[in-house]
PDB file of all heavy atoms in Angstrom:
ATOM      1  N   ASP A   1      15.835  -6.922   6.829  1.00  0.00           N
ATOM      2  CA  ASP A   1      16.934  -7.307   7.713  1.00  0.00           C
ATOM      3  C   ASP A   1      17.077  -6.307   8.851  1.00  0.00           C
ATOM      4  O   ASP A   1      18.181  -5.891   9.218  1.00  0.00           O
ATOM      5  CB  ASP A   1      18.247  -7.415   6.925  1.00  0.00           C
ATOM      6  CG  ASP A   1      19.343  -8.127   7.720  1.00  0.00           C
ATOM      7  OD1 ASP A   1      19.015  -9.077   8.453  1.00  0.00           O
ATOM      8  OD2 ASP A   1      20.516  -7.723   7.614  1.00  0.00           O
ATOM      9  N   LEU A   2      15.931  -5.929   9.411  1.00  0.00           N
ATOM     10  CA  LEU A   2      15.897  -4.997  10.528  1.00  0.00           C
ATOM     11  C   LEU A   2      14.972  -5.549  11.602  1.00  0.00           C
ATOM     12  O   LEU A   2      14.043  -6.309  11.316  1.00  0.00           O
ATOM     13  CB  LEU A   2      15.399  -3.611  10.085  1.00  0.00           C
ATOM     14  CG  LEU A   2      16.277  -2.830   9.105  1.00  0.00           C
ATOM     15  CD1 LEU A   2      15.561  -1.560   8.660  1.00  0.00           C
ATOM     16  CD2 LEU A   2      17.631  -2.498   9.719  1.00  0.00           C
ATOM     17  N   SER A   3      15.198  -5.114  12.830  1.00  0.00           N
ATOM     18  CA  SER A   3      14.334  -5.527  13.935  1.00  0.00           C
ATOM     19  C   SER A   3      14.424  -4.479  15.034  1.00  0.00           C
ATOM     20  O   SER A   3      15.338  -3.645  15.052  1.00  0.00           O
ATOM     21  CB  SER A   3      14.750  -6.908  14.483  1.00  0.00           C
ATOM     22  OG  SER A   3      16.082  -6.869  14.972  1.00  0.00           O
ATOM     23  N   GLY A   4      13.462  -4.557  15.964  1.00  0.00           N
ATOM     24  CA  GLY A   4      13.484  -3.671  17.115  1.00  0.00           C
ATOM     25  C   GLY A   4      13.376  -2.207  16.753  1.00  0.00           C
ATOM     26  O   GLY A   4      12.676  -1.819  15.801  1.00  0.00           O
ATOM     27  N   PRO A   5      14.091  -1.348  17.487  1.00  0.00           N
ATOM     28  CA  PRO A   5      14.007   0.100  17.235  1.00  0.00           C
ATOM     29  C   PRO A   5      14.437   0.495  15.825  1.00  0.00           C
ATOM     30  O   PRO A   5      13.924   1.472  15.270  1.00  0.00           O
ATOM     31  CB  PRO A   5      14.956   0.689  18.291  1.00  0.00           C
ATOM     32  CG  PRO A   5      15.043  -0.353  19.359  1.00  0.00           C
ATOM     33  CD  PRO A   5      14.921  -1.664  18.654  1.00  0.00           C
ATOM     34  N   GLU A   6      15.380  -0.248  15.234  1.00  0.00           N
ATOM     35  CA  GLU A   6      15.812   0.088  13.875  1.00  0.00           C
ATOM     36  C   GLU A   6      14.669  -0.069  12.884  1.00  0.00           C
ATOM     37  O   GLU A   6      14.487   0.770  11.995  1.00  0.00           O
ATOM     38  CB  GLU A   6      16.990  -0.803  13.473  1.00  0.00           C
ATOM     39  CG  GLU A   6      18.277  -0.520  14.233  1.00  0.00           C
ATOM     40  CD  GLU A   6      19.404  -1.402  13.748  1.00  0.00           C
ATOM     41  OE1 GLU A   6      19.124  -2.396  13.039  1.00  0.00           O
ATOM     42  OE2 GLU A   6      20.564  -1.103  14.070  1.00  0.00           O
ATOM     43  N   LEU A   7      13.896  -1.146  13.052  1.00  0.00           N
ATOM     44  CA  LEU A   7      12.753  -1.349  12.169  1.00  0.00           C
ATOM     45  C   LEU A   7      11.696  -0.270  12.396  1.00  0.00           C
ATOM     46  O   LEU A   7      11.118   0.263  11.434  1.00  0.00           O
ATOM     47  CB  LEU A   7      12.152  -2.733  12.403  1.00  0.00           C
ATOM     48  CG  LEU A   7      10.897  -3.074  11.598  1.00  0.00           C
ATOM     49  CD1 LEU A   7      11.168  -3.001  10.102  1.00  0.00           C
ATOM     50  CD2 LEU A   7      10.379  -4.458  11.973  1.00  0.00           C
ATOM     51  N   ASP A   8      11.433   0.062  13.651  1.00  0.00           N
ATOM     52  CA  ASP A   8      10.441   1.107  13.949  1.00  0.00           C
ATOM     53  C   ASP A   8      10.843   2.447  13.335  1.00  0.00           C
ATOM     54  O   ASP A   8      10.009   3.159  12.771  1.00  0.00           O
ATOM     55  CB  ASP A   8      10.285   1.253  15.470  1.00  0.00           C
ATOM     56  CG  ASP A   8       9.694  -0.004  16.102  1.00  0.00           C
ATOM     57  OD1 ASP A   8       9.006  -0.762  15.392  1.00  0.00           O
ATOM     58  OD2 ASP A   8       9.950  -0.230  17.303  1.00  0.00           O
ATOM     59  N   ALA A   9      12.123   2.776  13.441  1.00  0.00           N
ATOM     60  CA  ALA A   9      12.589   4.044  12.877  1.00  0.00           C
ATOM     61  C   ALA A   9      12.484   4.032  11.356  1.00  0.00           C
ATOM     62  O   ALA A   9      12.124   5.055  10.742  1.00  0.00           O
ATOM     63  CB  ALA A   9      14.036   4.300  13.304  1.00  0.00           C
ATOM     64  N   TYR A  10      12.755   2.904  10.741  1.00  0.00           N
ATOM     65  CA  TYR A  10      12.682   2.812   9.287  1.00  0.00           C
ATOM     66  C   TYR A  10      11.234   2.940   8.817  1.00  0.00           C
ATOM     67  O   TYR A  10      10.953   3.637   7.835  1.00  0.00           O
ATOM     68  CB  TYR A  10      13.289   1.489   8.822  1.00  0.00           C
ATOM     69  CG  TYR A  10      13.608   1.445   7.349  1.00  0.00           C
ATOM     70  CD1 TYR A  10      14.854   1.826   6.876  1.00  0.00           C
ATOM     71  CD2 TYR A  10      12.654   1.024   6.420  1.00  0.00           C
ATOM     72  CE1 TYR A  10      15.151   1.794   5.520  1.00  0.00           C
ATOM     73  CE2 TYR A  10      12.942   0.988   5.064  1.00  0.00           C
ATOM     74  CZ  TYR A  10      14.192   1.375   4.627  1.00  0.00           C
ATOM     75  OH  TYR A  10      14.472   1.338   3.284  1.00  0.00           O
ATOM     76  N   VAL A  11      10.317   2.265   9.506  1.00  0.00           N
ATOM     77  CA  VAL A  11       8.905   2.346   9.138  1.00  0.00           C
ATOM     78  C   VAL A  11       8.388   3.776   9.325  1.00  0.00           C
ATOM     79  O   VAL A  11       7.618   4.293   8.498  1.00  0.00           O
ATOM     80  CB  VAL A  11       8.083   1.353   9.966  1.00  0.00           C
ATOM     81  CG1 VAL A  11       6.587   1.568   9.756  1.00  0.00           C
ATOM     82  CG2 VAL A  11       8.463  -0.081   9.616  1.00  0.00           C
ATOM     83  N   GLU A  12       8.826   4.431  10.384  1.00  0.00           N
ATOM     84  CA  GLU A  12       8.408   5.811  10.621  1.00  0.00           C
ATOM     85  C   GLU A  12       8.930   6.728   9.521  1.00  0.00           C
ATOM     86  O   GLU A  12       8.231   7.651   9.074  1.00  0.00           O
ATOM     87  CB  GLU A  12       8.912   6.278  11.986  1.00  0.00           C
ATOM     88  CG  GLU A  12       8.466   7.686  12.357  1.00  0.00           C
ATOM     89  CD  GLU A  12       8.964   8.108  13.727  1.00  0.00           C
ATOM     90  OE1 GLU A  12       9.614   7.280  14.398  1.00  0.00           O
ATOM     91  OE2 GLU A  12       8.706   9.266  14.118  1.00  0.00           O
ATOM     92  N   LYS A  13      10.148   6.469   9.059  1.00  0.00           N
ATOM     93  CA  LYS A  13      10.712   7.279   7.984  1.00  0.00           C
ATOM     94  C   LYS A  13       9.924   7.098   6.697  1.00  0.00           C
ATOM     95  O   LYS A  13       9.780   8.040   5.903  1.00  0.00           O
ATOM     96  CB  LYS A  13      12.178   6.890   7.771  1.00  0.00           C
ATOM     97  CG  LYS A  13      12.880   7.744   6.720  1.00  0.00           C
ATOM     98  CD  LYS A  13      14.343   7.350   6.575  1.00  0.00           C
ATOM     99  CE  LYS A  13      14.476   5.971   5.955  1.00  0.00           C
ATOM    100  NZ  LYS A  13      15.895   5.629   5.651  1.00  0.00           N
ATOM    101  N   LEU A  14       9.377   5.895   6.477  1.00  0.00           N
ATOM    102  CA  LEU A  14       8.565   5.646   5.295  1.00  0.00           C
ATOM    103  C   LEU A  14       7.194   6.301   5.382  1.00  0.00           C
ATOM    104  O   LEU A  14       6.509   6.446   4.371  1.00  0.00           O
ATOM    105  CB  LEU A  14       8.385   4.134   5.082  1.00  0.00           C
ATOM    106  CG  LEU A  14       9.629   3.328   4.705  1.00  0.00           C
ATOM    107  CD1 LEU A  14       9.307   1.833   4.693  1.00  0.00           C
ATOM    108  CD2 LEU A  14      10.164   3.759   3.345  1.00  0.00           C
ATOM    109  N   GLY A  15       6.778   6.670   6.589  1.00  0.00           N
ATOM    110  CA  GLY A  15       5.463   7.253   6.762  1.00  0.00           C
ATOM    111  C   GLY A  15       4.359   6.225   6.887  1.00  0.00           C
ATOM    112  O   GLY A  15       3.172   6.558   6.735  1.00  0.00           O
ATOM    113  N   TRP A  16       4.705   4.971   7.170  1.00  0.00           N
ATOM    114  CA  TRP A  16       3.717   3.920   7.337  1.00  0.00           C
ATOM    115  C   TRP A  16       3.295   3.849   8.803  1.00  0.00           C
ATOM    116  O   TRP A  16       4.057   4.194   9.706  1.00  0.00           O
ATOM    117  CB  TRP A  16       4.272   2.567   6.887  1.00  0.00           C
ATOM    118  CG  TRP A  16       4.641   2.516   5.440  1.00  0.00           C
ATOM    119  CD1 TRP A  16       4.463   3.505   4.505  1.00  0.00           C
ATOM    120  CD2 TRP A  16       5.280   1.436   4.754  1.00  0.00           C
ATOM    121  NE1 TRP A  16       4.925   3.108   3.282  1.00  0.00           N
ATOM    122  CE2 TRP A  16       5.434   1.844   3.387  1.00  0.00           C
ATOM    123  CE3 TRP A  16       5.708   0.172   5.132  1.00  0.00           C
ATOM    124  CZ2 TRP A  16       6.029   1.015   2.440  1.00  0.00           C
ATOM    125  CZ3 TRP A  16       6.298  -0.652   4.173  1.00  0.00           C
ATOM    126  CH2 TRP A  16       6.457  -0.230   2.842  1.00  0.00           C
ATOM    127  N   THR A  17       2.071   3.397   9.035  1.00  0.00           N
ATOM    128  CA  THR A  17       1.538   3.326  10.387  1.00  0.00           C
ATOM    129  C   THR A  17       1.574   1.888  10.901  1.00  0.00           C
ATOM    130  O   THR A  17       1.403   0.933  10.127  1.00  0.00           O
ATOM    131  CB  THR A  17       0.092   3.843  10.434  1.00  0.00           C
ATOM    132  OG1 THR A  17      -0.715   3.077   9.535  1.00  0.00           O
ATOM    133  CG2 THR A  17       0.040   5.312  10.026  1.00  0.00           C
ATOM    134  N   VAL A  18       1.784   1.752  12.202  1.00  0.00           N
ATOM    135  CA  VAL A  18       1.879   0.436  12.836  1.00  0.00           C
ATOM    136  C   VAL A  18       0.799   0.322  13.891  1.00  0.00           C
ATOM    137  O   VAL A  18       0.636   1.214  14.732  1.00  0.00           O
ATOM    138  CB  VAL A  18       3.264   0.223  13.479  1.00  0.00           C
ATOM    139  CG1 VAL A  18       3.382  -1.188  14.052  1.00  0.00           C
ATOM    140  CG2 VAL A  18       4.371   0.496  12.489  1.00  0.00           C
ATOM    141  N   ASP A  19       0.052  -0.775  13.861  1.00  0.00           N
ATOM    142  CA  ASP A  19      -0.921  -1.077  14.903  1.00  0.00           C
ATOM    143  C   ASP A  19      -0.179  -1.763  16.046  1.00  0.00           C
ATOM    144  O   ASP A  19       0.277  -2.904  15.919  1.00  0.00           O
ATOM    145  CB  ASP A  19      -2.022  -1.985  14.352  1.00  0.00           C
ATOM    146  CG  ASP A  19      -3.180  -2.151  15.324  1.00  0.00           C
ATOM    147  OD1 ASP A  19      -2.949  -2.035  16.554  1.00  0.00           O
ATOM    148  OD2 ASP A  19      -4.315  -2.396  14.871  1.00  0.00           O
ATOM    149  N   ALA A  20      -0.046  -1.071  17.166  1.00  0.00           N
ATOM    150  CA  ALA A  20       0.755  -1.596  18.275  1.00  0.00           C
ATOM    151  C   ALA A  20       0.169  -2.873  18.853  1.00  0.00           C
ATOM    152  O   ALA A  20       0.903  -3.736  19.353  1.00  0.00           O
ATOM    153  CB  ALA A  20       0.876  -0.533  19.375  1.00  0.00           C
ATOM    154  N   SER A  21      -1.149  -3.037  18.789  1.00  0.00           N
ATOM    155  CA  SER A  21      -1.776  -4.222  19.388  1.00  0.00           C
ATOM    156  C   SER A  21      -1.599  -5.469  18.534  1.00  0.00           C
ATOM    157  O   SER A  21      -1.446  -6.572  19.056  1.00  0.00           O
ATOM    158  CB  SER A  21      -3.266  -3.960  19.624  1.00  0.00           C
ATOM    159  OG  SER A  21      -3.916  -3.661  18.388  1.00  0.00           O
ATOM    160  N   THR A  22      -1.624  -5.315  17.219  1.00  0.00           N
ATOM    161  CA  THR A  22      -1.530  -6.468  16.324  1.00  0.00           C
ATOM    162  C   THR A  22      -0.182  -6.580  15.622  1.00  0.00           C
ATOM    163  O   THR A  22       0.162  -7.645  15.102  1.00  0.00           O
ATOM    164  CB  THR A  22      -2.631  -6.399  15.261  1.00  0.00           C
ATOM    165  OG1 THR A  22      -2.474  -5.205  14.479  1.00  0.00           O
ATOM    166  CG2 THR A  22      -4.008  -6.391  15.911  1.00  0.00           C
ATOM    167  N   GLY A  23       0.581  -5.509  15.610  1.00  0.00           N
ATOM    168  CA  GLY A  23       1.857  -5.526  14.904  1.00  0.00           C
ATOM    169  C   GLY A  23       1.721  -5.478  13.396  1.00  0.00           C
ATOM    170  O   GLY A  23       2.668  -5.809  12.679  1.00  0.00           O
ATOM    171  N   VAL A  24       0.563  -5.060  12.920  1.00  0.00           N
ATOM    172  CA  VAL A  24       0.326  -4.974  11.475  1.00  0.00           C
ATOM    173  C   VAL A  24       0.677  -3.569  11.002  1.00  0.00           C
ATOM    174  O   VAL A  24       0.264  -2.570  11.596  1.00  0.00           O
ATOM    175  CB  VAL A  24      -1.140  -5.310  11.137  1.00  0.00           C
ATOM    176  CG1 VAL A  24      -1.401  -5.094   9.653  1.00  0.00           C
ATOM    177  CG2 VAL A  24      -1.447  -6.745  11.528  1.00  0.00           C
ATOM    178  N   ILE A  25       1.427  -3.513   9.923  1.00  0.00           N
ATOM    179  CA  ILE A  25       1.852  -2.239   9.343  1.00  0.00           C
ATOM    180  C   ILE A  25       0.984  -1.961   8.117  1.00  0.00           C
ATOM    181  O   ILE A  25       0.830  -2.817   7.244  1.00  0.00           O
ATOM    182  CB  ILE A  25       3.334  -2.290   8.946  1.00  0.00           C
ATOM    183  CG1 ILE A  25       4.195  -2.542  10.187  1.00  0.00           C
ATOM    184  CG2 ILE A  25       3.751  -1.004   8.244  1.00  0.00           C
ATOM    185  CD1 ILE A  25       5.664  -2.765   9.867  1.00  0.00           C
ATOM    186  N   THR A  26       0.397  -0.772   8.073  1.00  0.00           N
ATOM    187  CA  THR A  26      -0.466  -0.385   6.956  1.00  0.00           C
ATOM    188  C   THR A  26       0.357   0.329   5.896  1.00  0.00           C
ATOM    189  O   THR A  26       1.069   1.299   6.186  1.00  0.00           O
ATOM    190  CB  THR A  26      -1.597   0.532   7.448  1.00  0.00           C
ATOM    191  OG1 THR A  26      -2.367  -0.156   8.449  1.00  0.00           O
ATOM    192  CG2 THR A  26      -2.502   0.918   6.286  1.00  0.00           C
ATOM    193  N   VAL A  27       0.250  -0.182   4.684  1.00  0.00           N
ATOM    194  CA  VAL A  27       0.952   0.425   3.547  1.00  0.00           C
ATOM    195  C   VAL A  27      -0.005   1.400   2.875  1.00  0.00           C
ATOM    196  O   VAL A  27      -1.127   1.020   2.506  1.00  0.00           O
ATOM    197  CB  VAL A  27       1.413  -0.645   2.548  1.00  0.00           C
ATOM    198  CG1 VAL A  27       2.147  -0.006   1.373  1.00  0.00           C
ATOM    199  CG2 VAL A  27       2.301  -1.673   3.243  1.00  0.00           C
ATOM    200  N   PRO A  28       0.364   2.647   2.705  1.00  0.00           N
ATOM    201  CA  PRO A  28      -0.542   3.617   2.076  1.00  0.00           C
ATOM    202  C   PRO A  28      -0.959   3.173   0.682  1.00  0.00           C
ATOM    203  O   PRO A  28      -0.198   2.508  -0.027  1.00  0.00           O
ATOM    204  CB  PRO A  28       0.301   4.901   2.022  1.00  0.00           C
ATOM    205  CG  PRO A  28       1.338   4.728   3.087  1.00  0.00           C
ATOM    206  CD  PRO A  28       1.632   3.263   3.124  1.00  0.00           C
ATOM    207  N   PRO A  29      -2.182   3.525   0.289  1.00  0.00           N
ATOM    208  CA  PRO A  29      -2.647   3.130  -1.053  1.00  0.00           C
ATOM    209  C   PRO A  29      -1.840   3.813  -2.149  1.00  0.00           C
ATOM    210  O   PRO A  29      -1.436   4.960  -2.022  1.00  0.00           O
ATOM    211  CB  PRO A  29      -4.113   3.586  -1.067  1.00  0.00           C
ATOM    212  CG  PRO A  29      -4.201   4.639  -0.014  1.00  0.00           C
ATOM    213  CD  PRO A  29      -3.201   4.280   1.031  1.00  0.00           C
ATOM    214  N   ASN A  30      -1.636   3.065  -3.211  1.00  0.00           N
ATOM    215  CA  ASN A  30      -0.949   3.584  -4.381  1.00  0.00           C
ATOM    216  C   ASN A  30      -1.499   2.843  -5.595  1.00  0.00           C
ATOM    217  O   ASN A  30      -2.214   1.848  -5.459  1.00  0.00           O
ATOM    218  CB  ASN A  30       0.573   3.426  -4.253  1.00  0.00           C
ATOM    219  CG  ASN A  30       0.998   1.980  -4.111  1.00  0.00           C
ATOM    220  OD1 ASN A  30       1.038   1.222  -5.088  1.00  0.00           O
ATOM    221  ND2 ASN A  30       1.307   1.553  -2.884  1.00  0.00           N
ATOM    222  N   PRO A  31      -1.234   3.306  -6.811  1.00  0.00           N
ATOM    223  CA  PRO A  31      -1.827   2.665  -7.998  1.00  0.00           C
ATOM    224  C   PRO A  31      -1.506   1.191  -8.132  1.00  0.00           C
ATOM    225  O   PRO A  31      -2.249   0.455  -8.787  1.00  0.00           O
ATOM    226  CB  PRO A  31      -1.224   3.477  -9.163  1.00  0.00           C
ATOM    227  CG  PRO A  31      -0.903   4.805  -8.578  1.00  0.00           C
ATOM    228  CD  PRO A  31      -0.486   4.534  -7.169  1.00  0.00           C
ATOM    229  N   ASP A  32      -0.414   0.714  -7.532  1.00  0.00           N
ATOM    230  CA  ASP A  32      -0.025  -0.685  -7.695  1.00  0.00           C
ATOM    231  C   ASP A  32      -0.736  -1.625  -6.732  1.00  0.00           C
ATOM    232  O   ASP A  32      -1.010  -2.776  -7.071  1.00  0.00           O
ATOM    233  CB  ASP A  32       1.493  -0.842  -7.515  1.00  0.00           C
ATOM    234  CG  ASP A  32       2.271  -0.187  -8.637  1.00  0.00           C
ATOM    235  OD1 ASP A  32       1.773  -0.216  -9.778  1.00  0.00           O
ATOM    236  OD2 ASP A  32       3.354   0.355  -8.377  1.00  0.00           O
ATOM    237  N   ASN A  33      -1.025  -1.173  -5.510  1.00  0.00           N
ATOM    238  CA  ASN A  33      -1.627  -2.091  -4.533  1.00  0.00           C
ATOM    239  C   ASN A  33      -3.134  -1.921  -4.395  1.00  0.00           C
ATOM    240  O   ASN A  33      -3.741  -2.503  -3.497  1.00  0.00           O
ATOM    241  CB  ASN A  33      -0.962  -1.935  -3.162  1.00  0.00           C
ATOM    242  CG  ASN A  33      -1.236  -0.579  -2.515  1.00  0.00           C
ATOM    243  OD1 ASN A  33      -1.893   0.282  -3.081  1.00  0.00           O
ATOM    244  ND2 ASN A  33      -0.722  -0.397  -1.306  1.00  0.00           N
ATOM    245  N   GLN A  34      -3.744  -1.124  -5.263  1.00  0.00           N
ATOM    246  CA  GLN A  34      -5.192  -0.960  -5.256  1.00  0.00           C
ATOM    247  C   GLN A  34      -5.796  -1.730  -6.420  1.00  0.00           C
ATOM    248  O   GLN A  34      -5.469  -1.472  -7.583  1.00  0.00           O
ATOM    249  CB  GLN A  34      -5.570   0.521  -5.353  1.00  0.00           C
ATOM    250  CG  GLN A  34      -5.116   1.353  -4.173  1.00  0.00           C
ATOM    251  CD  GLN A  34      -5.710   0.890  -2.865  1.00  0.00           C
ATOM    252  OE1 GLN A  34      -6.935   0.853  -2.711  1.00  0.00           O
ATOM    253  NE2 GLN A  34      -4.869   0.518  -1.916  1.00  0.00           N
ATOM    254  N   ILE A  35      -6.666  -2.693  -6.100  1.00  0.00           N
ATOM    255  CA  ILE A  35      -7.312  -3.504  -7.128  1.00  0.00           C
ATOM    256  C   ILE A  35      -8.590  -2.801  -7.562  1.00  0.00           C
ATOM    257  O   ILE A  35      -9.548  -2.696  -6.803  1.00  0.00           O
ATOM    258  CB  ILE A  35      -7.628  -4.914  -6.603  1.00  0.00           C
ATOM    259  CG1 ILE A  35      -6.337  -5.593  -6.118  1.00  0.00           C
ATOM    260  CG2 ILE A  35      -8.301  -5.750  -7.669  1.00  0.00           C
ATOM    261  CD1 ILE A  35      -6.565  -6.949  -5.499  1.00  0.00           C
ATOM    262  N   GLU A  36      -8.607  -2.324  -8.772  1.00  0.00           N
ATOM    263  CA  GLU A  36      -9.777  -1.640  -9.313  1.00  0.00           C
ATOM    264  C   GLU A  36     -10.068  -2.197 -10.703  1.00  0.00           C
ATOM    265  O   GLU A  36      -9.160  -2.297 -11.545  1.00  0.00           O
ATOM    266  CB  GLU A  36      -9.539  -0.132  -9.396  1.00  0.00           C
ATOM    267  CG  GLU A  36      -9.344   0.540  -8.034  1.00  0.00           C
ATOM    268  CD  GLU A  36      -9.130   2.025  -8.165  1.00  0.00           C
ATOM    269  OE1 GLU A  36      -9.110   2.505  -9.323  1.00  0.00           O
ATOM    270  OE2 GLU A  36      -8.983   2.700  -7.130  1.00  0.00           O
ATOM    271  N   SER A  37     -11.322  -2.564 -10.902  1.00  0.00           N
ATOM    272  CA  SER A  37     -11.705  -3.074 -12.216  1.00  0.00           C
ATOM    273  C   SER A  37     -11.777  -1.930 -13.216  1.00  0.00           C
ATOM    274  O   SER A  37     -12.253  -0.838 -12.903  1.00  0.00           O
ATOM    275  CB  SER A  37     -13.055  -3.784 -12.141  1.00  0.00           C
ATOM    276  OG  SER A  37     -14.058  -2.876 -11.690  1.00  0.00           O
ATOM    277  N   THR A  38     -11.306  -2.187 -14.371  1.00  0.00           N
ATOM    278  CA  THR A  38     -11.291  -1.181 -15.434  1.00  0.00           C
ATOM    279  C   THR A  38     -12.015  -1.733 -16.659  1.00  0.00           C
ATOM    280  O   THR A  38     -11.709  -2.833 -17.113  1.00  0.00           O
ATOM    281  CB  THR A  38      -9.848  -0.803 -15.817  1.00  0.00           C
ATOM    282  OG1 THR A  38      -9.167  -0.344 -14.645  1.00  0.00           O
ATOM    283  CG2 THR A  38      -9.833   0.281 -16.871  1.00  0.00           C
ATOM    284  N   VAL A  39     -12.991  -0.983 -17.122  1.00  0.00           N
ATOM    285  CA  VAL A  39     -13.754  -1.376 -18.298  1.00  0.00           C
ATOM    286  C   VAL A  39     -13.307  -0.504 -19.467  1.00  0.00           C
ATOM    287  O   VAL A  39     -13.395   0.725 -19.400  1.00  0.00           O
ATOM    288  CB  VAL A  39     -15.271  -1.237 -18.074  1.00  0.00           C
ATOM    289  CG1 VAL A  39     -16.035  -1.626 -19.334  1.00  0.00           C
ATOM    290  CG2 VAL A  39     -15.705  -2.085 -16.882  1.00  0.00           C
ATOM    291  N   VAL A  40     -12.832  -1.149 -20.484  1.00  0.00           N
ATOM    292  CA  VAL A  40     -12.373  -0.440 -21.671  1.00  0.00           C
ATOM    293  C   VAL A  40     -13.399  -0.644 -22.786  1.00  0.00           C
ATOM    294  O   VAL A  40     -13.692  -1.778 -23.168  1.00  0.00           O
ATOM    295  CB  VAL A  40     -10.987  -0.938 -22.119  1.00  0.00           C
ATOM    296  CG1 VAL A  40     -10.550  -0.210 -23.380  1.00  0.00           C
ATOM    297  CG2 VAL A  40      -9.977  -0.756 -21.001  1.00  0.00           C
ATOM    298  N   GLN A  41     -13.942   0.436 -23.250  1.00  0.00           N
ATOM    299  CA  GLN A  41     -14.936   0.384 -24.324  1.00  0.00           C
ATOM    300  C   GLN A  41     -14.375   1.082 -25.557  1.00  0.00           C
ATOM    301  O   GLN A  41     -13.772   2.152 -25.454  1.00  0.00           O
ATOM    302  CB  GLN A  41     -16.244   1.059 -23.901  1.00  0.00           C
ATOM    303  CG  GLN A  41     -16.971   0.324 -22.783  1.00  0.00           C
ATOM    304  CD  GLN A  41     -18.287   0.993 -22.445  1.00  0.00           C
ATOM    305  OE1 GLN A  41     -18.547   2.117 -22.858  1.00  0.00           O
ATOM    306  NE2 GLN A  41     -19.120   0.305 -21.699  1.00  0.00           N
TER     307      GLN A  41
END
């Protein structure tokens, strides 16, 4: 529920990066958003 400068300031506070040309925000990798296959033997 944010837009404009408020959204930019919030994203900057989170430490996320924004691609100014595409408007895509990159979320840093973390154990939850990284898909890695795990083999349990």
